[in-house]
Amino acid sequence: NLSSQGLVACSVSVLLSYYF
């Protein structure tokens, strides 16, 4: 759903900030 996609996008950006 829309809210879960936003949550996934937020989690991905957090993971990317941890990796890079």
N, C-alpha and C. Protein backbone atom coordinates (compact mmCIF):
# COMPACT_ATOMS: atom_id res chain seq x y z
N ASN A 1 0.84 -1.21 0.00
CA ASN A 1 0.00 0.00 0.00
C ASN A 1 0.87 1.26 0.00
N LEU A 2 0.21 2.41 -0.07
CA LEU A 2 0.95 3.67 -0.18
C LEU A 2 1.79 3.92 1.08
N SER A 3 1.20 3.71 2.25
CA SER A 3 1.93 3.99 3.50
C SER A 3 3.09 3.01 3.67
N SER A 4 2.89 1.75 3.30
CA SER A 4 3.98 0.78 3.43
C SER A 4 5.10 1.08 2.44
N GLN A 5 4.74 1.59 1.23
CA GLN A 5 5.79 1.97 0.28
C GLN A 5 6.61 3.13 0.83
N GLY A 6 5.96 4.08 1.48
CA GLY A 6 6.68 5.20 2.08
C GLY A 6 7.61 4.72 3.18
N LEU A 7 7.14 3.74 3.96
CA LEU A 7 7.96 3.20 5.03
C LEU A 7 9.18 2.48 4.46
N VAL A 8 8.96 1.71 3.40
CA VAL A 8 10.06 1.00 2.75
C VAL A 8 11.07 1.99 2.19
N ALA A 9 10.58 3.06 1.54
CA ALA A 9 11.49 4.06 0.98
C ALA A 9 12.30 4.72 2.09
N CYS A 10 11.66 4.98 3.22
CA CYS A 10 12.36 5.59 4.34
C CYS A 10 13.42 4.64 4.89
N SER A 11 13.08 3.37 5.02
CA SER A 11 14.03 2.38 5.52
C SER A 11 15.22 2.24 4.58
N VAL A 12 14.94 2.24 3.26
CA VAL A 12 16.01 2.12 2.27
C VAL A 12 16.96 3.31 2.37
N SER A 13 16.39 4.51 2.51
CA SER A 13 17.26 5.70 2.59
C SER A 13 18.10 5.67 3.87
N VAL A 14 17.52 5.15 4.96
CA VAL A 14 18.29 5.03 6.21
C VAL A 14 19.40 4.00 6.04
N LEU A 15 19.09 2.87 5.40
CA LEU A 15 20.13 1.86 5.16
C LEU A 15 21.24 2.42 4.29
N LEU A 16 20.87 3.17 3.24
CA LEU A 16 21.88 3.76 2.36
C LEU A 16 22.74 4.76 3.14
N SER A 17 22.14 5.50 4.05
CA SER A 17 22.93 6.47 4.82
C SER A 17 23.88 5.74 5.77
N TYR A 18 23.49 4.53 6.22
CA TYR A 18 24.41 3.76 7.06
C TYR A 18 25.55 3.18 6.23
N TYR A 19 25.22 2.70 5.00
CA TYR A 19 26.25 2.08 4.17
C TYR A 19 27.23 3.12 3.62
N PHE A 20 26.70 4.31 3.20
CA PHE A 20 27.54 5.30 2.53
C PHE A 20 27.75 6.56 3.34
